[in-house]
N, C-alpha and C. Protein backbone atom coordinates (compact mmCIF):
# COMPACT_ATOMS: atom_id res chain seq x y z
N UNK A 1 17.57 -123.75 -28.30
CA UNK A 1 18.50 -122.71 -27.87
C UNK A 1 17.87 -121.34 -28.15
N UNK A 2 17.96 -120.48 -27.22
CA UNK A 2 17.44 -119.13 -27.38
C UNK A 2 18.33 -118.34 -28.33
N UNK A 3 17.73 -117.52 -29.17
CA UNK A 3 18.47 -116.75 -30.18
C UNK A 3 19.47 -115.82 -29.52
N UNK A 4 19.06 -115.08 -28.49
CA UNK A 4 19.98 -114.16 -27.82
C UNK A 4 21.18 -114.91 -27.25
N UNK A 5 20.95 -116.09 -26.71
CA UNK A 5 22.05 -116.91 -26.17
C UNK A 5 23.00 -117.32 -27.30
N UNK A 6 22.43 -117.77 -28.41
CA UNK A 6 23.23 -118.14 -29.57
C UNK A 6 24.08 -116.96 -30.05
N UNK A 7 23.45 -115.78 -30.18
CA UNK A 7 24.18 -114.60 -30.65
C UNK A 7 25.28 -114.20 -29.68
N UNK A 8 25.01 -114.30 -28.39
CA UNK A 8 26.05 -114.00 -27.38
C UNK A 8 27.21 -114.98 -27.49
N UNK A 9 26.90 -116.25 -27.64
CA UNK A 9 27.96 -117.26 -27.77
C UNK A 9 28.81 -117.04 -29.02
N UNK A 10 28.20 -116.47 -30.06
CA UNK A 10 28.93 -116.19 -31.30
C UNK A 10 29.62 -114.83 -31.27
N UNK A 11 29.50 -114.12 -30.15
CA UNK A 11 30.08 -112.78 -29.99
C UNK A 11 29.56 -111.82 -31.05
N UNK A 12 28.29 -111.98 -31.39
CA UNK A 12 27.65 -111.11 -32.38
C UNK A 12 27.27 -109.77 -31.75
N UNK A 13 27.28 -108.75 -32.55
CA UNK A 13 26.85 -107.43 -32.11
C UNK A 13 25.35 -107.32 -32.35
N UNK A 14 24.55 -107.29 -31.29
CA UNK A 14 23.10 -107.23 -31.41
C UNK A 14 22.52 -106.52 -30.20
N UNK A 15 21.26 -106.16 -30.33
CA UNK A 15 20.54 -105.51 -29.25
C UNK A 15 19.19 -106.21 -29.09
N UNK A 16 18.79 -106.48 -27.86
CA UNK A 16 17.47 -107.04 -27.59
C UNK A 16 16.53 -105.88 -27.31
N UNK A 17 15.36 -105.90 -27.93
CA UNK A 17 14.38 -104.83 -27.79
C UNK A 17 13.07 -105.45 -27.29
N UNK A 18 12.62 -105.00 -26.14
CA UNK A 18 11.35 -105.48 -25.58
C UNK A 18 10.27 -104.48 -25.98
N UNK A 19 9.12 -104.99 -26.39
CA UNK A 19 8.01 -104.15 -26.86
C UNK A 19 6.70 -104.85 -26.51
N UNK A 20 5.57 -104.16 -26.65
CA UNK A 20 4.29 -104.84 -26.42
C UNK A 20 4.17 -106.03 -27.39
N UNK A 21 3.47 -107.09 -27.00
CA UNK A 21 3.34 -108.25 -27.89
C UNK A 21 2.82 -107.85 -29.28
N UNK A 22 3.55 -108.28 -30.30
CA UNK A 22 3.20 -107.98 -31.68
C UNK A 22 3.10 -109.30 -32.44
N UNK A 23 1.94 -109.55 -33.01
CA UNK A 23 1.71 -110.82 -33.70
C UNK A 23 1.92 -110.73 -35.21
N UNK A 24 2.29 -109.53 -35.69
CA UNK A 24 2.67 -109.36 -37.09
C UNK A 24 3.92 -108.47 -37.12
N UNK A 25 4.67 -108.61 -38.18
CA UNK A 25 5.89 -107.80 -38.31
C UNK A 25 5.57 -106.33 -38.52
N UNK A 26 4.48 -106.03 -39.19
CA UNK A 26 4.08 -104.63 -39.38
C UNK A 26 3.69 -103.99 -38.05
N UNK A 27 3.02 -104.75 -37.20
CA UNK A 27 2.65 -104.22 -35.89
C UNK A 27 3.92 -104.01 -35.04
N UNK A 28 4.89 -104.90 -35.17
CA UNK A 28 6.16 -104.74 -34.47
C UNK A 28 6.82 -103.43 -34.89
N UNK A 29 6.80 -103.14 -36.19
CA UNK A 29 7.37 -101.89 -36.70
C UNK A 29 6.66 -100.69 -36.08
N UNK A 30 5.32 -100.75 -36.02
CA UNK A 30 4.56 -99.64 -35.42
C UNK A 30 4.92 -99.46 -33.95
N UNK A 31 4.98 -100.56 -33.20
CA UNK A 31 5.32 -100.48 -31.78
C UNK A 31 6.72 -99.89 -31.57
N UNK A 32 7.63 -100.19 -32.47
CA UNK A 32 9.00 -99.71 -32.35
C UNK A 32 9.22 -98.37 -33.05
N UNK A 33 8.17 -97.84 -33.68
CA UNK A 33 8.21 -96.53 -34.35
C UNK A 33 9.29 -96.47 -35.43
N UNK A 34 9.32 -97.51 -36.26
CA UNK A 34 10.28 -97.58 -37.36
C UNK A 34 9.54 -98.00 -38.64
N UNK A 35 10.10 -97.71 -39.81
CA UNK A 35 9.48 -98.15 -41.06
C UNK A 35 9.47 -99.68 -41.14
N UNK A 36 8.43 -100.23 -41.73
CA UNK A 36 8.30 -101.69 -41.87
C UNK A 36 9.44 -102.33 -42.64
N UNK A 37 10.07 -101.60 -43.55
CA UNK A 37 11.17 -102.19 -44.33
C UNK A 37 12.39 -102.51 -43.48
N UNK A 38 12.47 -101.97 -42.25
CA UNK A 38 13.59 -102.29 -41.35
C UNK A 38 13.32 -103.52 -40.50
N UNK A 39 12.08 -103.99 -40.53
CA UNK A 39 11.71 -105.20 -39.80
C UNK A 39 11.63 -106.34 -40.81
N UNK A 40 12.25 -107.46 -40.48
CA UNK A 40 12.13 -108.62 -41.36
C UNK A 40 11.26 -109.66 -40.68
N UNK A 41 10.55 -110.40 -41.51
CA UNK A 41 9.70 -111.48 -41.02
C UNK A 41 10.19 -112.79 -41.59
N UNK A 42 9.87 -113.84 -40.87
CA UNK A 42 10.25 -115.19 -41.28
C UNK A 42 8.98 -115.97 -41.60
N UNK A 43 8.99 -116.66 -42.73
CA UNK A 43 7.83 -117.44 -43.16
C UNK A 43 8.30 -118.86 -43.42
N UNK A 44 7.67 -119.82 -42.76
CA UNK A 44 8.02 -121.22 -42.98
C UNK A 44 7.26 -121.74 -44.20
N UNK A 45 8.01 -122.35 -45.10
CA UNK A 45 7.44 -122.92 -46.31
C UNK A 45 7.69 -124.42 -46.33
N UNK A 46 6.79 -125.14 -46.97
CA UNK A 46 6.97 -126.57 -47.19
C UNK A 46 7.21 -126.77 -48.67
N UNK A 47 8.32 -127.42 -49.00
CA UNK A 47 8.70 -127.69 -50.38
C UNK A 47 8.92 -129.19 -50.49
N UNK A 48 7.91 -129.90 -50.92
CA UNK A 48 7.99 -131.36 -50.91
C UNK A 48 8.08 -131.83 -49.48
N UNK A 49 9.09 -132.61 -49.18
CA UNK A 49 9.28 -133.11 -47.80
C UNK A 49 10.27 -132.25 -47.02
N UNK A 50 10.64 -131.10 -47.56
CA UNK A 50 11.62 -130.22 -46.92
C UNK A 50 10.95 -128.92 -46.46
N UNK A 51 11.40 -128.42 -45.32
CA UNK A 51 10.97 -127.11 -44.84
C UNK A 51 12.03 -126.09 -45.20
N UNK A 52 11.59 -124.88 -45.54
CA UNK A 52 12.47 -123.78 -45.90
C UNK A 52 11.98 -122.55 -45.14
N UNK A 53 12.91 -121.75 -44.64
CA UNK A 53 12.55 -120.51 -43.97
C UNK A 53 12.85 -119.35 -44.91
N UNK A 54 11.84 -118.57 -45.24
CA UNK A 54 11.99 -117.40 -46.11
C UNK A 54 11.99 -116.15 -45.25
N UNK A 55 12.99 -115.29 -45.42
CA UNK A 55 13.12 -114.06 -44.63
C UNK A 55 13.04 -112.88 -45.60
N UNK A 56 12.10 -111.96 -45.31
CA UNK A 56 11.90 -110.80 -46.17
C UNK A 56 11.39 -109.63 -45.35
N UNK A 57 11.39 -108.46 -45.95
CA UNK A 57 10.93 -107.25 -45.26
C UNK A 57 9.46 -107.35 -44.90
N UNK A 58 9.09 -106.72 -43.78
CA UNK A 58 7.73 -106.80 -43.26
C UNK A 58 6.64 -106.46 -44.27
N UNK A 59 6.77 -105.40 -45.08
CA UNK A 59 5.67 -105.07 -45.98
C UNK A 59 5.55 -106.00 -47.19
N UNK A 60 6.56 -106.81 -47.45
CA UNK A 60 6.58 -107.65 -48.64
C UNK A 60 5.82 -108.96 -48.44
N UNK A 61 5.50 -109.60 -49.55
CA UNK A 61 4.82 -110.90 -49.56
C UNK A 61 5.68 -111.90 -50.33
N UNK A 62 5.58 -113.16 -49.97
CA UNK A 62 6.34 -114.21 -50.63
C UNK A 62 5.68 -114.58 -51.95
N UNK A 63 6.49 -114.62 -52.99
CA UNK A 63 6.03 -115.10 -54.30
C UNK A 63 6.36 -116.59 -54.35
N UNK A 64 5.34 -117.42 -54.13
CA UNK A 64 5.57 -118.87 -54.08
C UNK A 64 6.04 -119.43 -55.42
N UNK A 65 5.62 -118.80 -56.52
CA UNK A 65 6.09 -119.24 -57.84
C UNK A 65 7.59 -118.98 -57.99
N UNK A 66 8.06 -117.84 -57.48
CA UNK A 66 9.50 -117.53 -57.55
C UNK A 66 10.30 -118.50 -56.69
N UNK A 67 9.77 -118.82 -55.51
CA UNK A 67 10.44 -119.82 -54.64
C UNK A 67 10.53 -121.15 -55.37
N UNK A 68 9.43 -121.57 -55.99
CA UNK A 68 9.41 -122.83 -56.72
C UNK A 68 10.44 -122.83 -57.85
N UNK A 69 10.58 -121.70 -58.54
CA UNK A 69 11.59 -121.62 -59.61
C UNK A 69 13.00 -121.75 -59.04
N UNK A 70 13.26 -121.08 -57.91
CA UNK A 70 14.59 -121.14 -57.29
C UNK A 70 14.92 -122.54 -56.79
N UNK A 71 13.93 -123.22 -56.23
CA UNK A 71 14.18 -124.52 -55.61
C UNK A 71 13.92 -125.70 -56.53
N UNK A 72 13.25 -125.44 -57.64
CA UNK A 72 12.97 -126.51 -58.58
C UNK A 72 11.84 -127.44 -58.15
N UNK A 73 11.02 -126.99 -57.21
CA UNK A 73 9.86 -127.79 -56.78
C UNK A 73 8.82 -126.86 -56.16
N UNK A 74 7.57 -127.28 -56.17
CA UNK A 74 6.50 -126.42 -55.64
C UNK A 74 6.70 -126.10 -54.16
N UNK A 75 6.22 -124.94 -53.78
CA UNK A 75 6.30 -124.49 -52.39
C UNK A 75 4.92 -124.06 -51.93
N UNK A 76 4.65 -124.25 -50.66
CA UNK A 76 3.40 -123.79 -50.07
C UNK A 76 3.70 -123.26 -48.68
N UNK A 77 2.78 -122.47 -48.15
CA UNK A 77 2.92 -122.00 -46.77
C UNK A 77 2.77 -123.19 -45.84
N UNK A 78 3.60 -123.27 -44.84
CA UNK A 78 3.49 -124.35 -43.84
C UNK A 78 2.27 -124.09 -42.96
N UNK A 79 1.70 -125.14 -42.45
CA UNK A 79 0.55 -125.02 -41.55
C UNK A 79 1.02 -124.61 -40.16
N UNK A 80 0.09 -124.15 -39.35
CA UNK A 80 0.42 -123.80 -37.96
C UNK A 80 1.00 -125.00 -37.23
N UNK A 81 0.47 -126.19 -37.50
CA UNK A 81 0.97 -127.42 -36.86
C UNK A 81 2.41 -127.70 -37.27
N UNK A 82 2.73 -127.49 -38.55
CA UNK A 82 4.11 -127.69 -39.02
C UNK A 82 5.05 -126.69 -38.37
N UNK A 83 4.62 -125.44 -38.23
CA UNK A 83 5.44 -124.42 -37.57
C UNK A 83 5.68 -124.82 -36.12
N UNK A 84 4.63 -125.17 -35.41
CA UNK A 84 4.74 -125.52 -33.99
C UNK A 84 5.61 -126.75 -33.77
N UNK A 85 5.56 -127.71 -34.70
CA UNK A 85 6.36 -128.93 -34.52
C UNK A 85 7.85 -128.68 -34.72
N UNK A 86 8.21 -127.70 -35.55
CA UNK A 86 9.63 -127.41 -35.79
C UNK A 86 10.20 -126.39 -34.82
N UNK A 87 9.41 -125.39 -34.48
CA UNK A 87 9.87 -124.29 -33.63
C UNK A 87 9.29 -124.46 -32.22
N UNK A 88 9.63 -125.58 -31.60
CA UNK A 88 9.05 -125.96 -30.31
C UNK A 88 9.41 -125.02 -29.16
N UNK A 89 10.55 -124.36 -29.25
CA UNK A 89 10.97 -123.47 -28.16
C UNK A 89 10.51 -122.03 -28.39
N UNK A 90 9.66 -121.82 -29.39
CA UNK A 90 9.12 -120.49 -29.69
C UNK A 90 7.67 -120.41 -29.24
N UNK A 91 7.24 -119.19 -28.91
CA UNK A 91 5.81 -118.99 -28.66
C UNK A 91 5.05 -119.35 -29.93
N UNK A 92 3.82 -119.77 -29.76
CA UNK A 92 2.98 -120.16 -30.90
C UNK A 92 2.95 -119.05 -31.94
N UNK A 93 3.39 -119.36 -33.15
CA UNK A 93 3.39 -118.39 -34.24
C UNK A 93 4.63 -117.53 -34.34
N UNK A 94 5.52 -117.59 -33.36
CA UNK A 94 6.75 -116.79 -33.39
C UNK A 94 7.82 -117.56 -34.16
N UNK A 95 8.48 -116.87 -35.09
CA UNK A 95 9.55 -117.49 -35.89
C UNK A 95 10.77 -116.59 -35.89
N UNK A 96 11.90 -117.15 -35.60
CA UNK A 96 13.17 -116.45 -35.70
C UNK A 96 13.76 -116.70 -37.10
N UNK A 97 14.56 -115.81 -37.65
CA UNK A 97 15.12 -116.03 -38.98
C UNK A 97 16.33 -116.98 -39.00
N UNK A 98 16.66 -117.57 -37.87
CA UNK A 98 17.81 -118.48 -37.81
C UNK A 98 17.34 -119.92 -38.01
N UNK A 99 17.00 -120.24 -39.25
CA UNK A 99 16.56 -121.60 -39.57
C UNK A 99 17.61 -122.64 -39.26
N UNK A 100 18.89 -122.27 -39.35
CA UNK A 100 19.96 -123.24 -39.08
C UNK A 100 19.90 -123.80 -37.66
N UNK A 101 19.36 -123.02 -36.72
CA UNK A 101 19.21 -123.52 -35.34
C UNK A 101 18.19 -124.64 -35.26
N UNK A 102 17.38 -124.79 -36.30
CA UNK A 102 16.32 -125.80 -36.34
C UNK A 102 16.53 -126.80 -37.47
N UNK A 103 17.72 -126.76 -38.09
CA UNK A 103 18.02 -127.68 -39.18
C UNK A 103 17.28 -127.36 -40.47
N UNK A 104 16.94 -126.09 -40.66
CA UNK A 104 16.16 -125.66 -41.81
C UNK A 104 16.98 -124.66 -42.64
N UNK A 105 17.08 -124.87 -43.95
CA UNK A 105 17.76 -123.88 -44.78
C UNK A 105 16.98 -122.56 -44.80
N UNK A 106 17.73 -121.46 -44.94
CA UNK A 106 17.13 -120.13 -44.92
C UNK A 106 17.39 -119.42 -46.24
N UNK A 107 16.34 -118.80 -46.76
CA UNK A 107 16.44 -117.94 -47.94
C UNK A 107 16.28 -116.50 -47.46
N UNK A 108 17.10 -115.61 -47.97
CA UNK A 108 17.02 -114.19 -47.64
C UNK A 108 16.69 -113.43 -48.92
N UNK A 109 15.65 -112.61 -48.86
CA UNK A 109 15.25 -111.80 -50.02
C UNK A 109 16.40 -110.90 -50.44
N UNK A 110 16.75 -110.97 -51.71
CA UNK A 110 17.93 -110.27 -52.23
C UNK A 110 17.82 -108.75 -52.14
N UNK A 111 16.63 -108.20 -52.00
CA UNK A 111 16.48 -106.75 -51.96
C UNK A 111 16.86 -106.14 -50.61
N UNK A 112 17.09 -106.96 -49.60
CA UNK A 112 17.47 -106.43 -48.29
C UNK A 112 18.95 -106.05 -48.33
N UNK A 113 19.22 -104.80 -48.05
CA UNK A 113 20.58 -104.26 -48.10
C UNK A 113 21.45 -104.91 -47.02
N UNK A 114 22.58 -105.50 -47.40
CA UNK A 114 23.46 -106.13 -46.41
C UNK A 114 23.97 -105.16 -45.35
N UNK A 115 24.04 -103.87 -45.69
CA UNK A 115 24.55 -102.88 -44.74
C UNK A 115 23.45 -102.28 -43.86
N UNK A 116 22.22 -102.72 -44.06
CA UNK A 116 21.11 -102.17 -43.26
C UNK A 116 21.05 -102.83 -41.88
N UNK A 117 20.38 -102.13 -40.98
CA UNK A 117 20.07 -102.71 -39.68
C UNK A 117 18.70 -103.35 -39.80
N UNK A 118 18.60 -104.59 -39.34
CA UNK A 118 17.32 -105.29 -39.39
C UNK A 118 16.85 -105.60 -37.97
N UNK A 119 15.56 -105.69 -37.83
CA UNK A 119 14.95 -106.06 -36.55
C UNK A 119 14.04 -107.24 -36.85
N UNK A 120 14.12 -108.26 -36.01
CA UNK A 120 13.30 -109.45 -36.24
C UNK A 120 12.83 -110.03 -34.92
N UNK A 121 11.79 -110.83 -35.03
CA UNK A 121 11.22 -111.49 -33.87
C UNK A 121 12.23 -112.48 -33.31
N UNK A 122 12.36 -112.48 -31.99
CA UNK A 122 13.20 -113.47 -31.34
C UNK A 122 12.38 -114.75 -31.28
N UNK A 123 12.09 -115.25 -30.15
CA UNK A 123 11.26 -116.44 -30.02
C UNK A 123 9.99 -116.14 -29.24
N UNK A 124 9.78 -114.86 -29.00
CA UNK A 124 8.61 -114.39 -28.28
C UNK A 124 8.03 -113.21 -29.03
N UNK A 125 6.73 -113.02 -28.93
CA UNK A 125 6.06 -111.93 -29.65
C UNK A 125 6.37 -110.55 -29.06
N UNK A 126 6.97 -110.50 -27.86
CA UNK A 126 7.26 -109.21 -27.22
C UNK A 126 8.76 -108.91 -27.16
N UNK A 127 9.57 -109.69 -27.88
CA UNK A 127 11.02 -109.49 -27.87
C UNK A 127 11.53 -109.51 -29.31
N UNK A 128 12.29 -108.49 -29.65
CA UNK A 128 12.89 -108.41 -30.99
C UNK A 128 14.40 -108.32 -30.84
N UNK A 129 15.08 -108.66 -31.90
CA UNK A 129 16.54 -108.56 -31.97
C UNK A 129 16.87 -107.55 -33.07
N UNK A 130 17.81 -106.68 -32.77
CA UNK A 130 18.27 -105.67 -33.74
C UNK A 130 19.73 -105.94 -34.03
N UNK A 131 20.07 -106.06 -35.32
CA UNK A 131 21.46 -106.29 -35.71
C UNK A 131 21.66 -105.90 -37.17
N UNK A 132 22.90 -105.83 -37.59
CA UNK A 132 23.22 -105.54 -38.99
C UNK A 132 22.90 -106.78 -39.82
N UNK A 133 22.36 -106.56 -41.00
CA UNK A 133 22.03 -107.67 -41.88
C UNK A 133 23.29 -108.47 -42.23
N UNK A 134 24.38 -107.76 -42.44
CA UNK A 134 25.64 -108.43 -42.79
C UNK A 134 26.06 -109.41 -41.67
N UNK A 135 25.88 -109.02 -40.41
CA UNK A 135 26.21 -109.90 -39.29
C UNK A 135 25.27 -111.11 -39.26
N UNK A 136 23.98 -110.87 -39.53
CA UNK A 136 23.03 -111.98 -39.62
C UNK A 136 23.49 -112.97 -40.69
N UNK A 137 23.88 -112.44 -41.85
CA UNK A 137 24.31 -113.30 -42.95
C UNK A 137 25.57 -114.09 -42.62
N UNK A 138 26.50 -113.47 -41.90
CA UNK A 138 27.73 -114.19 -41.52
C UNK A 138 27.41 -115.38 -40.62
N UNK A 139 26.44 -115.23 -39.74
CA UNK A 139 26.07 -116.30 -38.82
C UNK A 139 25.17 -117.35 -39.46
N UNK A 140 24.18 -116.91 -40.20
CA UNK A 140 23.16 -117.82 -40.74
C UNK A 140 23.54 -118.42 -42.08
N UNK A 141 24.28 -117.68 -42.89
CA UNK A 141 24.65 -118.11 -44.24
C UNK A 141 23.43 -118.46 -45.09
N UNK A 142 22.47 -117.53 -45.16
CA UNK A 142 21.28 -117.82 -45.97
C UNK A 142 21.59 -117.73 -47.46
N UNK A 143 20.75 -118.35 -48.25
CA UNK A 143 20.86 -118.24 -49.70
C UNK A 143 20.07 -117.00 -50.10
N UNK A 144 20.72 -116.07 -50.78
CA UNK A 144 20.03 -114.84 -51.24
C UNK A 144 19.40 -115.10 -52.59
N UNK A 145 18.14 -114.74 -52.71
CA UNK A 145 17.46 -114.83 -53.99
C UNK A 145 16.24 -113.91 -53.97
N UNK A 146 15.70 -113.64 -55.14
CA UNK A 146 14.54 -112.77 -55.25
C UNK A 146 13.26 -113.57 -55.15
N UNK A 147 12.45 -113.30 -54.15
CA UNK A 147 11.18 -114.02 -54.01
C UNK A 147 10.06 -113.16 -53.44
N UNK A 148 10.27 -111.85 -53.39
CA UNK A 148 9.15 -111.02 -52.92
C UNK A 148 8.20 -110.82 -54.08
N UNK A 149 6.94 -110.75 -53.76
CA UNK A 149 5.91 -110.65 -54.77
C UNK A 149 5.98 -109.29 -55.44
N UNK A 150 6.10 -109.30 -56.76
CA UNK A 150 6.09 -108.06 -57.53
C UNK A 150 4.67 -107.57 -57.72
N UNK A 151 4.51 -106.28 -57.85
CA UNK A 151 3.18 -105.70 -58.01
C UNK A 151 2.53 -106.10 -59.34
N UNK A 152 3.35 -106.49 -60.30
CA UNK A 152 2.82 -106.82 -61.62
C UNK A 152 2.39 -108.28 -61.74
N UNK A 153 2.61 -109.08 -60.71
CA UNK A 153 2.28 -110.50 -60.77
C UNK A 153 1.10 -110.82 -59.87
N UNK A 154 0.45 -111.92 -60.18
CA UNK A 154 -0.56 -112.43 -59.28
C UNK A 154 -0.09 -113.81 -58.86
N UNK A 155 -0.03 -114.03 -57.56
CA UNK A 155 0.45 -115.29 -57.03
C UNK A 155 -0.03 -115.42 -55.60
N UNK A 156 -0.12 -116.65 -55.07
CA UNK A 156 -0.46 -116.79 -53.64
C UNK A 156 0.59 -116.09 -52.80
N UNK A 157 0.18 -115.45 -51.74
CA UNK A 157 1.11 -114.65 -50.93
C UNK A 157 1.08 -115.06 -49.48
N UNK A 158 2.13 -114.61 -48.78
CA UNK A 158 2.21 -114.79 -47.33
C UNK A 158 2.42 -113.45 -46.71
């Protein structure tokens, strides 16, 4: 199911933004002339036999040790093959933050302000969705926790 279609069916307040193809969230921010902290990225993680979608601000990195502490088991970045096998209706490498549409639990970085407007990749590298974080949370029901990499720690990053 396409994200815009899902949002329309849910009567969500959102805006579709078309831009030049952006293969990173930071590049998407540059193309849209907005600060990277307003763009969120989705990172697929493998935790044992379970996949988890981590959503955080574009400039941030995932602290895999923090994820492991929250989930009680080790976490690693998913491979391109794992991403492609789960997100079959997305362009290669494109991830939407709606893990529930794919049967995947979603974690949302706790530092993202619920009242902020967020922009995220739809299912194509040239299409973004803009909506209030609070509306995203009402639809997705992600688990909020702290997992962005702190400057004082050393850990594998995404």
